[in-house]
């Protein structure tokens, strides 16, 4: 169903505030997200410095940002699962594990992209 609510600067500003609230909540309550933020603070500037050309820089920066995005979604899944099903349930555990696996796969892409782009320069 289409929304009849008008979109304008006020709604964009409110959406921005809600996004910042979500980032703060994840940073405050999720140790994994804090660690990934600190890692991103190191690797993103490093990727911009070490990347040769726009495409390399984009690849070296994009995957760490995607890790943060996936961690936000994983944390949201975990919060909802814990709220809806505080006792252990196989499906709840599976949902949490799948969210964690998504973060893991993106972390592997960080390692792979950095190795493929920077490895030959360091080894050759």
C-alpha atoms as a PDB file:
ATOM      1  CA  UNK A   1       0.000   0.000   0.000  1.00  0.00           C
ATOM      2  CA  UNK A   2       1.421   3.380  -0.961  1.00  0.00           C
ATOM      3  CA  UNK A   3       1.989   5.874   1.796  1.00  0.00           C
ATOM      4  CA  UNK A   4       0.241   9.230   1.494  1.00  0.00           C
ATOM      5  CA  UNK A   5       2.693  10.798   3.942  1.00  0.00           C
ATOM      6  CA  UNK A   6       4.772  13.516   2.365  1.00  0.00           C
ATOM      7  CA  UNK A   7       8.514  13.109   2.372  1.00  0.00           C
ATOM      8  CA  UNK A   8      10.574  16.175   2.893  1.00  0.00           C
ATOM      9  CA  UNK A   9      13.503  17.628   4.810  1.00  0.00           C
ATOM     10  CA  UNK A  10      11.883  16.994   8.187  1.00  0.00           C
ATOM     11  CA  UNK A  11      11.341  13.291   7.510  1.00  0.00           C
ATOM     12  CA  UNK A  12      14.857  12.950   6.103  1.00  0.00           C
ATOM     13  CA  UNK A  13      16.229  14.606   9.241  1.00  0.00           C
ATOM     14  CA  UNK A  14      14.168  12.300  11.489  1.00  0.00           C
ATOM     15  CA  UNK A  15      15.388   9.251   9.559  1.00  0.00           C
ATOM     16  CA  UNK A  16      18.957  10.478  10.069  1.00  0.00           C
ATOM     17  CA  UNK A  17      18.347  10.852  13.824  1.00  0.00           C
ATOM     18  CA  UNK A  18      16.892   7.336  14.062  1.00  0.00           C
ATOM     19  CA  UNK A  19      19.894   5.955  12.192  1.00  0.00           C
ATOM     20  CA  UNK A  20      22.285   7.693  14.585  1.00  0.00           C
ATOM     21  CA  UNK A  21      20.259   6.313  17.507  1.00  0.00           C
ATOM     22  CA  UNK A  22      20.687   2.807  16.064  1.00  0.00           C
ATOM     23  CA  UNK A  23      24.438   3.270  15.609  1.00  0.00           C
ATOM     24  CA  UNK A  24      24.792   4.532  19.195  1.00  0.00           C
ATOM     25  CA  UNK A  25      22.715   1.654  20.580  1.00  0.00           C
ATOM     26  CA  UNK A  26      24.750  -0.943  18.704  1.00  0.00           C
ATOM     27  CA  UNK A  27      28.028   0.658  19.759  1.00  0.00           C
ATOM     28  CA  UNK A  28      26.869   0.837  23.386  1.00  0.00           C
ATOM     29  CA  UNK A  29      25.467  -2.694  23.657  1.00  0.00           C
ATOM     30  CA  UNK A  30      27.442  -4.841  21.207  1.00  0.00           C
ATOM     31  CA  UNK A  31      31.117  -5.592  21.888  1.00  0.00           C
ATOM     32  CA  UNK A  32      31.568  -7.105  18.416  1.00  0.00           C
ATOM     33  CA  UNK A  33      30.335  -3.909  16.766  1.00  0.00           C
ATOM     34  CA  UNK A  34      32.692  -1.802  18.877  1.00  0.00           C
ATOM     35  CA  UNK A  35      35.640  -3.979  17.851  1.00  0.00           C
ATOM     36  CA  UNK A  36      34.631  -3.801  14.187  1.00  0.00           C
ATOM     37  CA  UNK A  37      34.285   0.008  14.411  1.00  0.00           C
ATOM     38  CA  UNK A  38      37.787   0.300  15.854  1.00  0.00           C
ATOM     39  CA  UNK A  39      39.122  -1.984  13.120  1.00  0.00           C
ATOM     40  CA  UNK A  40      37.325   0.108  10.470  1.00  0.00           C
ATOM     41  CA  UNK A  41      38.858   3.278  11.914  1.00  0.00           C
ATOM     42  CA  UNK A  42      42.247   1.731  11.121  1.00  0.00           C
ATOM     43  CA  UNK A  43      41.614  -0.098   7.838  1.00  0.00           C
ATOM     44  CA  UNK A  44      39.466   2.462   6.010  1.00  0.00           C
ATOM     45  CA  UNK A  45      42.077   5.248   6.040  1.00  0.00           C
ATOM     46  CA  UNK A  46      44.752   2.625   5.338  1.00  0.00           C
ATOM     47  CA  UNK A  47      42.770   1.385   2.336  1.00  0.00           C
ATOM     48  CA  UNK A  48      42.395   4.922   1.021  1.00  0.00           C
ATOM     49  CA  UNK A  49      46.136   5.435   1.412  1.00  0.00           C
ATOM     50  CA  UNK A  50      47.310   2.084   0.001  1.00  0.00           C
ATOM     51  CA  UNK A  51      44.786   1.695  -2.803  1.00  0.00           C
ATOM     52  CA  UNK A  52      46.029   2.680  -6.239  1.00  0.00           C
ATOM     53  CA  UNK A  53      43.187   4.274  -8.140  1.00  0.00           C
ATOM     54  CA  UNK A  54      39.541   4.722  -7.375  1.00  0.00           C
ATOM     55  CA  UNK A  55      38.488   1.086  -7.859  1.00  0.00           C
ATOM     56  CA  UNK A  56      41.087  -0.330  -5.466  1.00  0.00           C
ATOM     57  CA  UNK A  57      40.287   2.316  -2.874  1.00  0.00           C
ATOM     58  CA  UNK A  58      36.574   1.603  -3.232  1.00  0.00           C
ATOM     59  CA  UNK A  59      37.053  -2.153  -2.772  1.00  0.00           C
ATOM     60  CA  UNK A  60      39.384  -1.732   0.227  1.00  0.00           C
ATOM     61  CA  UNK A  61      36.869   0.595   1.921  1.00  0.00           C
ATOM     62  CA  UNK A  62      33.575  -1.019   0.903  1.00  0.00           C
ATOM     63  CA  UNK A  63      34.006  -4.396   2.552  1.00  0.00           C
ATOM     64  CA  UNK A  64      34.815  -3.035   6.040  1.00  0.00           C
ATOM     65  CA  UNK A  65      31.723  -0.807   5.779  1.00  0.00           C
ATOM     66  CA  UNK A  66      29.668  -3.841   4.732  1.00  0.00           C
ATOM     67  CA  UNK A  67      30.958  -5.725   7.796  1.00  0.00           C
ATOM     68  CA  UNK A  68      29.618  -2.906   9.985  1.00  0.00           C
ATOM     69  CA  UNK A  69      26.288  -2.966   8.146  1.00  0.00           C
ATOM     70  CA  UNK A  70      25.962  -6.725   8.523  1.00  0.00           C
ATOM     71  CA  UNK A  71      26.840  -6.488  12.221  1.00  0.00           C
ATOM     72  CA  UNK A  72      24.073  -3.919  12.687  1.00  0.00           C
ATOM     73  CA  UNK A  73      21.586  -6.271  11.019  1.00  0.00           C
ATOM     74  CA  UNK A  74      22.901  -9.260  12.981  1.00  0.00           C
ATOM     75  CA  UNK A  75      22.528  -7.343  16.240  1.00  0.00           C
ATOM     76  CA  UNK A  76      18.982  -6.359  15.260  1.00  0.00           C
ATOM     77  CA  UNK A  77      18.132 -10.002  14.528  1.00  0.00           C
ATOM     78  CA  UNK A  78      19.571 -11.080  17.874  1.00  0.00           C
ATOM     79  CA  UNK A  79      17.640  -8.388  19.759  1.00  0.00           C
ATOM     80  CA  UNK A  80      14.343  -9.344  18.134  1.00  0.00           C
ATOM     81  CA  UNK A  81      14.945 -13.070  18.665  1.00  0.00           C
ATOM     82  CA  UNK A  82      15.795 -12.504  22.337  1.00  0.00           C
ATOM     83  CA  UNK A  83      12.664 -10.382  22.803  1.00  0.00           C
ATOM     84  CA  UNK A  84      10.325 -12.814  21.050  1.00  0.00           C
ATOM     85  CA  UNK A  85      11.871 -16.052  22.285  1.00  0.00           C
ATOM     86  CA  UNK A  86      13.855 -15.586  25.528  1.00  0.00           C
ATOM     87  CA  UNK A  87      14.071 -19.352  26.048  1.00  0.00           C
ATOM     88  CA  UNK A  88      16.229 -21.435  23.721  1.00  0.00           C
ATOM     89  CA  UNK A  89      14.599 -22.578  20.525  1.00  0.00           C
ATOM     90  CA  UNK A  90      16.339 -24.292  17.629  1.00  0.00           C
ATOM     91  CA  UNK A  91      14.986 -21.787  15.078  1.00  0.00           C
ATOM     92  CA  UNK A  92      16.005 -18.837  17.242  1.00  0.00           C
ATOM     93  CA  UNK A  93      19.516 -20.235  17.505  1.00  0.00           C
ATOM     94  CA  UNK A  94      19.594 -20.850  13.767  1.00  0.00           C
ATOM     95  CA  UNK A  95      18.558 -17.246  13.020  1.00  0.00           C
ATOM     96  CA  UNK A  96      21.320 -15.915  15.283  1.00  0.00           C
ATOM     97  CA  UNK A  97      23.898 -18.256  13.743  1.00  0.00           C
ATOM     98  CA  UNK A  98      22.918 -17.217  10.226  1.00  0.00           C
ATOM     99  CA  UNK A  99      23.307 -13.539  11.090  1.00  0.00           C
ATOM    100  CA  UNK A 100      26.717 -14.275  12.533  1.00  0.00           C
ATOM    101  CA  UNK A 101      27.653 -16.239   9.406  1.00  0.00           C
ATOM    102  CA  UNK A 102      26.790 -13.226   7.225  1.00  0.00           C
ATOM    103  CA  UNK A 103      29.218 -11.073   9.227  1.00  0.00           C
ATOM    104  CA  UNK A 104      31.865 -13.796   9.000  1.00  0.00           C
ATOM    105  CA  UNK A 105      31.557 -14.066   5.204  1.00  0.00           C
ATOM    106  CA  UNK A 106      32.026 -10.331   4.820  1.00  0.00           C
ATOM    107  CA  UNK A 107      35.063 -10.441   7.103  1.00  0.00           C
ATOM    108  CA  UNK A 108      36.503 -13.119   4.825  1.00  0.00           C
ATOM    109  CA  UNK A 109      35.854 -10.797   1.868  1.00  0.00           C
ATOM    110  CA  UNK A 110      37.834  -8.071   3.660  1.00  0.00           C
ATOM    111  CA  UNK A 111      40.772 -10.449   4.005  1.00  0.00           C
ATOM    112  CA  UNK A 112      40.457 -11.742   0.444  1.00  0.00           C
ATOM    113  CA  UNK A 113      40.184  -8.302  -1.152  1.00  0.00           C
ATOM    114  CA  UNK A 114      43.099  -6.925   0.852  1.00  0.00           C
ATOM    115  CA  UNK A 115      45.216  -9.992   0.049  1.00  0.00           C
ATOM    116  CA  UNK A 116      44.420  -9.883  -3.670  1.00  0.00           C
ATOM    117  CA  UNK A 117      45.026  -6.153  -4.001  1.00  0.00           C
ATOM    118  CA  UNK A 118      47.928  -5.591  -1.631  1.00  0.00           C
ATOM    119  CA  UNK A 119      49.491  -9.075  -1.489  1.00  0.00           C
ATOM    120  CA  UNK A 120      51.278  -8.895  -4.857  1.00  0.00           C
ATOM    121  CA  UNK A 121      52.783  -5.520  -3.928  1.00  0.00           C
ATOM    122  CA  UNK A 122      54.086  -6.827  -0.625  1.00  0.00           C
ATOM    123  CA  UNK A 123      55.390 -10.118  -2.023  1.00  0.00           C
ATOM    124  CA  UNK A 124      56.686  -8.926  -5.375  1.00  0.00           C
END
